[in-house]
N, C-alpha and C. Protein backbone atom coordinates (compact mmCIF):
# COMPACT_ATOMS: atom_id res chain seq x y z
N LYS A 1 -29.30 -11.85 -0.76
CA LYS A 1 -29.75 -11.29 1.03
C LYS A 1 -31.55 -10.83 0.91
N ASN A 2 -32.53 -11.43 1.34
CA ASN A 2 -33.52 -10.46 1.58
C ASN A 2 -33.59 -9.33 1.73
N SER A 3 -32.75 -9.29 2.31
CA SER A 3 -32.52 -8.20 3.21
C SER A 3 -32.01 -6.76 2.46
N SER A 4 -31.29 -7.15 1.83
CA SER A 4 -30.73 -6.14 0.68
C SER A 4 -31.46 -5.83 -0.09
N ILE A 5 -32.41 -6.92 -0.54
CA ILE A 5 -33.76 -5.89 -2.64
C ILE A 5 -34.51 -4.88 -1.06
N VAL A 6 -34.48 -5.23 0.68
CA VAL A 6 -35.72 -4.43 0.72
C VAL A 6 -34.57 -3.19 1.57
N ALA A 7 -33.77 -3.48 1.68
CA ALA A 7 -32.34 -1.72 2.00
C ALA A 7 -32.68 -1.48 0.55
N VAL A 8 -32.63 -1.79 -0.59
CA VAL A 8 -32.33 -1.04 -1.59
C VAL A 8 -33.30 -0.35 -2.10
N ALA A 9 -34.96 -1.33 -1.74
CA ALA A 9 -35.81 -0.81 -2.00
C ALA A 9 -36.36 0.62 -1.23
N LYS A 10 -36.02 0.95 0.17
CA LYS A 10 -35.89 2.04 0.87
C LYS A 10 -35.19 3.11 0.11
N CYS A 11 -34.00 1.78 0.15
CA CYS A 11 -33.12 3.74 -0.47
C CYS A 11 -34.06 3.98 -1.53
N PHE A 12 -34.11 3.57 -2.48
CA PHE A 12 -35.02 4.13 -4.05
C PHE A 12 -36.09 4.81 -3.48
N SER A 13 -36.91 4.76 -2.57
CA SER A 13 -38.54 5.30 -2.31
C SER A 13 -37.55 6.58 -1.16
N ALA A 14 -36.24 6.14 -0.86
CA ALA A 14 -36.06 7.63 -0.62
C ALA A 14 -35.07 8.53 -1.07
N GLY A 15 -35.01 8.67 -2.41
CA GLY A 15 -34.21 8.90 -3.28
C GLY A 15 -33.24 9.30 -2.60
N ILE A 16 -32.70 8.33 -2.68
CA ILE A 16 -30.73 7.30 -2.42
C ILE A 16 -30.49 6.97 -3.66
N VAL A 17 -29.66 7.04 -4.03
CA VAL A 17 -29.07 6.24 -5.96
C VAL A 17 -28.55 4.96 -4.77
N VAL A 18 -28.05 4.02 -4.94
CA VAL A 18 -27.47 2.92 -4.91
C VAL A 18 -26.45 2.73 -5.46
N ARG A 19 -25.31 2.49 -4.88
CA ARG A 19 -23.54 1.84 -6.45
C ARG A 19 -23.56 1.14 -5.97
N MET A 20 -22.82 -0.55 -6.22
CA MET A 20 -22.41 -0.96 -5.66
C MET A 20 -21.27 -1.56 -6.73
N LEU A 21 -20.06 -0.91 -5.14
CA LEU A 21 -18.19 -1.14 -6.35
C LEU A 21 -17.71 -2.87 -5.31
N THR A 22 -17.82 -3.49 -6.50
CA THR A 22 -17.43 -4.59 -5.51
C THR A 22 -15.69 -5.46 -6.68
N GLY A 23 -15.41 -6.69 -6.32
CA GLY A 23 -14.67 -7.50 -6.17
C GLY A 23 -14.87 -8.61 -6.83
N ASP A 24 -16.37 -8.63 -7.44
CA ASP A 24 -16.65 -9.78 -7.61
C ASP A 24 -16.71 -9.22 -9.03
N HIS A 25 -16.87 -10.84 -10.25
CA HIS A 25 -16.68 -10.40 -11.67
C HIS A 25 -17.83 -10.22 -12.48
N PRO A 26 -17.74 -9.79 -13.44
CA PRO A 26 -18.80 -8.23 -14.24
C PRO A 26 -20.46 -8.95 -13.94
N SER A 27 -19.74 -10.23 -14.74
CA SER A 27 -21.19 -11.00 -14.90
C SER A 27 -21.76 -11.78 -13.35
N THR A 28 -21.46 -11.32 -12.40
CA THR A 28 -22.06 -11.63 -10.88
C THR A 28 -22.99 -10.89 -10.48
N ALA A 29 -21.66 -9.61 -10.89
CA ALA A 29 -22.00 -8.87 -9.69
C ALA A 29 -23.18 -7.79 -10.89
N GLU A 30 -23.08 -8.27 -12.08
CA GLU A 30 -24.73 -7.23 -12.30
C GLU A 30 -25.70 -8.64 -12.00
N ALA A 31 -25.01 -9.72 -12.10
CA ALA A 31 -26.26 -10.76 -11.57
C ALA A 31 -26.45 -10.41 -9.93
N ILE A 32 -26.02 -10.38 -9.48
CA ILE A 32 -26.31 -9.76 -7.65
C ILE A 32 -27.41 -7.50 -7.78
N ALA A 33 -27.00 -7.50 -8.60
CA ALA A 33 -27.55 -6.09 -8.61
C ALA A 33 -28.98 -5.82 -9.37
N LYS A 34 -28.65 -6.21 -10.21
CA LYS A 34 -30.23 -6.77 -10.87
C LYS A 34 -31.02 -7.92 -9.68
N GLU A 35 -30.30 -9.26 -8.86
CA GLU A 35 -31.98 -9.56 -8.15
C GLU A 35 -31.82 -8.91 -6.59
N ILE A 36 -30.97 -7.72 -6.65
CA ILE A 36 -31.18 -7.44 -5.16
C ILE A 36 -32.16 -5.55 -5.96
N GLY A 37 -32.42 -5.13 -7.39
CA GLY A 37 -32.95 -4.05 -7.95
C GLY A 37 -32.29 -2.81 -8.07
N ILE A 38 -31.06 -3.02 -7.44
CA ILE A 38 -29.70 -2.06 -8.54
C ILE A 38 -30.26 -1.33 -9.82
N ILE A 39 -30.06 -2.39 -10.58
CA ILE A 39 -30.26 -1.98 -12.11
C ILE A 39 -31.50 -2.88 -12.15
N PRO A 40 -31.99 -2.77 -13.56
CA PRO A 40 -33.43 -3.02 -14.01
C PRO A 40 -32.71 -4.60 -14.61
N GLU A 41 -33.61 -5.71 -14.72
CA GLU A 41 -33.62 -7.17 -15.32
C GLU A 41 -33.96 -6.41 -16.95
N GLY A 42 -32.93 -7.29 -17.82
CA GLY A 42 -33.05 -7.47 -18.89
C GLY A 42 -31.00 -6.85 -19.53
N THR A 43 -31.32 -6.32 -20.44
CA THR A 43 -29.62 -5.76 -21.02
C THR A 43 -29.64 -4.32 -20.50
N ALA A 44 -28.44 -3.99 -18.98
CA ALA A 44 -28.24 -3.25 -18.58
C ALA A 44 -28.14 -1.66 -19.78
N PRO A 45 -28.11 -0.71 -19.19
CA PRO A 45 -28.03 0.74 -20.98
C PRO A 45 -26.42 0.11 -20.93
N LYS A 46 -25.93 0.88 -21.89
CA LYS A 46 -24.49 1.20 -21.77
C LYS A 46 -24.10 1.89 -20.82
N GLY A 47 -23.10 1.66 -20.02
CA GLY A 47 -22.17 2.92 -18.98
C GLY A 47 -22.83 3.03 -17.91
N MET A 48 -24.25 1.52 -17.37
CA MET A 48 -24.56 1.34 -16.02
C MET A 48 -23.01 1.44 -14.86
N ILE A 49 -22.78 -0.27 -16.42
CA ILE A 49 -22.10 -1.31 -15.09
C ILE A 49 -20.29 -1.04 -16.22
N MET A 50 -19.41 -0.80 -15.32
CA MET A 50 -18.37 -0.16 -15.00
C MET A 50 -17.18 -1.32 -14.51
N THR A 51 -15.56 -1.88 -14.63
CA THR A 51 -14.48 -1.73 -14.18
C THR A 51 -14.35 -1.27 -13.70
N GLY A 52 -13.41 -2.15 -12.27
CA GLY A 52 -12.78 -1.07 -11.46
C GLY A 52 -11.59 -0.49 -12.71
N PRO A 53 -10.80 -1.77 -12.91
CA PRO A 53 -9.59 -1.43 -14.36
C PRO A 53 -9.98 -0.86 -15.54
N VAL A 54 -11.25 0.00 -15.98
CA VAL A 54 -11.03 0.79 -16.33
C VAL A 54 -11.88 2.36 -16.26
N LEU A 55 -12.84 2.28 -14.92
CA LEU A 55 -12.64 3.58 -14.17
C LEU A 55 -11.56 3.76 -13.52
N ASP A 56 -10.13 2.56 -13.42
CA ASP A 56 -8.93 3.83 -12.97
C ASP A 56 -7.85 4.29 -13.52
N SER A 57 -8.40 3.89 -15.17
CA SER A 57 -7.85 4.25 -16.41
C SER A 57 -8.26 5.54 -16.79
N MET A 58 -9.55 5.80 -16.20
CA MET A 58 -9.61 6.92 -16.46
C MET A 58 -9.45 8.84 -16.04
N THR A 59 -9.60 9.04 -16.36
CA THR A 59 -8.46 10.48 -15.97
C THR A 59 -10.25 11.14 -15.03
N ASP A 60 -9.52 12.12 -13.85
CA ASP A 60 -10.77 13.30 -12.94
C ASP A 60 -11.98 14.06 -13.94
N ALA A 61 -10.83 14.44 -15.55
CA ALA A 61 -11.51 14.84 -16.44
C ALA A 61 -12.58 13.83 -17.31
N GLU A 62 -11.78 12.90 -17.56
CA GLU A 62 -12.94 11.63 -17.99
C GLU A 62 -14.16 11.66 -17.17
N LEU A 63 -13.72 10.98 -15.85
CA LEU A 63 -15.25 10.47 -15.07
C LEU A 63 -16.66 12.01 -14.90
N ASP A 64 -15.71 12.94 -15.08
CA ASP A 64 -16.76 14.30 -14.75
C ASP A 64 -16.89 14.29 -15.72
N ALA A 65 -16.71 13.91 -17.03
CA ALA A 65 -17.34 14.32 -17.88
C ALA A 65 -18.51 13.33 -18.53
N MET A 66 -18.47 12.29 -17.88
CA MET A 66 -19.68 11.33 -17.61
C MET A 66 -21.05 11.89 -17.48
N SER A 67 -22.47 11.62 -18.45
CA SER A 67 -23.73 11.81 -17.01
C SER A 67 -23.85 12.09 -16.51
N ASP A 68 -23.93 10.75 -16.07
CA ASP A 68 -24.10 10.03 -15.30
C ASP A 68 -23.03 8.65 -15.07
N LEU A 69 -22.60 8.17 -13.59
CA LEU A 69 -21.74 7.40 -13.04
C LEU A 69 -21.91 5.67 -13.36
N PRO A 70 -21.40 5.00 -13.08
CA PRO A 70 -21.80 3.95 -13.28
C PRO A 70 -22.26 3.58 -12.03
N LEU A 71 -22.97 2.59 -12.40
CA LEU A 71 -23.80 2.11 -11.07
C LEU A 71 -23.54 1.04 -10.14
N ILE A 72 -22.92 -0.34 -10.95
CA ILE A 72 -22.10 -1.09 -10.81
C ILE A 72 -20.59 -0.57 -10.98
N VAL A 73 -19.89 -1.63 -10.25
CA VAL A 73 -18.42 -0.71 -10.61
C VAL A 73 -17.95 -2.51 -10.18
N ALA A 74 -17.79 -3.63 -11.13
CA ALA A 74 -16.94 -4.61 -10.92
C ALA A 74 -15.36 -5.01 -10.72
N ARG A 75 -14.94 -6.24 -10.34
CA ARG A 75 -13.52 -6.10 -10.17
C ARG A 75 -12.57 -4.64 -10.01
N SER A 76 -13.52 -4.04 -8.58
CA SER A 76 -12.85 -2.39 -8.14
C SER A 76 -12.35 -3.08 -6.94
N SER A 77 -11.02 -2.18 -6.85
CA SER A 77 -10.50 -1.88 -5.97
C SER A 77 -10.91 -1.26 -4.70
N PRO A 78 -9.88 -0.71 -3.81
CA PRO A 78 -9.88 0.35 -2.20
C PRO A 78 -9.24 1.35 -3.44
N ALA A 79 -8.29 1.71 -4.70
CA ALA A 79 -8.57 2.78 -5.03
C ALA A 79 -9.13 3.18 -6.05
N SER A 80 -10.69 2.30 -6.33
CA SER A 80 -11.43 2.52 -7.41
C SER A 80 -12.37 3.21 -6.56
N LYS A 81 -12.57 3.44 -5.22
CA LYS A 81 -13.79 3.09 -4.55
C LYS A 81 -13.47 3.87 -4.08
N VAL A 82 -12.59 4.98 -3.80
CA VAL A 82 -12.03 6.63 -3.31
C VAL A 82 -12.12 7.31 -4.38
N ARG A 83 -11.94 5.99 -5.78
CA ARG A 83 -12.68 7.35 -7.06
C ARG A 83 -13.52 7.70 -6.87
N MET A 84 -14.29 6.59 -7.02
CA MET A 84 -16.38 7.34 -6.92
C MET A 84 -16.22 7.51 -6.73
N VAL A 85 -16.17 8.08 -4.66
CA VAL A 85 -16.38 8.79 -4.03
C VAL A 85 -16.20 9.75 -4.49
N GLU A 86 -14.24 10.37 -4.70
CA GLU A 86 -14.41 11.25 -5.17
C GLU A 86 -14.73 12.12 -6.11
N ALA A 87 -15.50 11.42 -7.32
CA ALA A 87 -16.04 11.54 -8.18
C ALA A 87 -17.72 12.05 -7.82
N LEU A 88 -17.78 11.48 -6.85
CA LEU A 88 -19.28 12.29 -6.35
C LEU A 88 -19.65 13.12 -5.51
N HIS A 89 -18.13 13.65 -4.76
CA HIS A 89 -18.11 14.24 -4.61
C HIS A 89 -17.78 15.96 -4.96
N ARG A 90 -17.69 15.59 -5.88
CA ARG A 90 -16.89 16.63 -7.20
C ARG A 90 -18.39 16.98 -8.15
N ARG A 91 -19.53 15.96 -8.06
CA ARG A 91 -20.60 16.73 -7.96
C ARG A 91 -21.42 16.96 -7.29
N LYS A 92 -21.18 17.18 -6.08
CA LYS A 92 -21.82 18.16 -4.85
C LYS A 92 -22.02 17.05 -3.97
N LYS A 93 -22.59 15.17 -3.92
CA LYS A 93 -23.28 14.33 -3.89
C LYS A 93 -23.17 14.43 -2.82
N VAL A 94 -23.36 13.81 -1.66
CA VAL A 94 -23.36 13.17 -0.34
C VAL A 94 -23.35 11.76 -0.51
N VAL A 95 -22.25 10.81 0.14
CA VAL A 95 -22.39 10.20 0.05
C VAL A 95 -21.29 9.56 1.30
N ALA A 96 -22.47 8.41 1.21
CA ALA A 96 -22.40 7.32 2.42
C ALA A 96 -21.75 5.68 1.86
N MET A 97 -20.84 5.10 2.46
CA MET A 97 -20.77 4.28 1.64
C MET A 97 -20.64 2.43 3.48
N THR A 98 -21.05 1.45 2.56
CA THR A 98 -20.47 0.35 3.21
C THR A 98 -20.04 -0.30 2.98
N GLY A 99 -19.32 -1.61 3.89
CA GLY A 99 -18.67 -2.58 2.96
C GLY A 99 -18.46 -3.69 4.56
N ASP A 100 -17.70 -4.91 4.16
CA ASP A 100 -18.16 -6.28 4.59
C ASP A 100 -16.17 -6.34 5.00
N GLY A 101 -14.92 -5.22 4.06
CA GLY A 101 -14.33 -5.93 4.63
C GLY A 101 -13.28 -4.84 4.68
N VAL A 102 -11.40 -4.96 5.21
CA VAL A 102 -10.97 -4.55 5.21
C VAL A 102 -10.74 -3.22 4.54
N ASN A 103 -10.60 -3.29 3.68
CA ASN A 103 -10.89 -2.95 2.01
C ASN A 103 -11.35 -2.13 1.71
N ASP A 104 -12.69 -2.15 2.68
CA ASP A 104 -14.05 -1.15 1.89
C ASP A 104 -12.58 0.34 2.12
N SER A 105 -12.42 -0.43 3.86
CA SER A 105 -12.42 1.48 4.62
C SER A 105 -11.42 2.49 3.90
N PRO A 106 -10.41 2.30 3.15
CA PRO A 106 -9.89 3.98 2.72
C PRO A 106 -11.23 4.64 2.06
N ALA A 107 -11.91 3.76 0.97
CA ALA A 107 -13.63 4.73 1.02
C ALA A 107 -14.55 5.32 2.09
């Protein structure tokens, strides 16, 4: 959606890091993220995209040891979204979450 492209651009210009956690297939999530400007066109840097099952299999210590948390988490579950919010909180980040379904409410 054009409104998403504009919203992401405004977030970036305000210094806000945008992350997308979605139930979509990884290739679909990557294409959408590129289209709306969350990640750059071309080959995404290693670690920028992850799947929910991989995130869920990591311990808190492993997540905390990552230099940067992924910007895109595909095939994420409600629990994956909660874990991401918690990981960001442990990094002392302010987190706002939006979603379009009841599965987003736990985060």
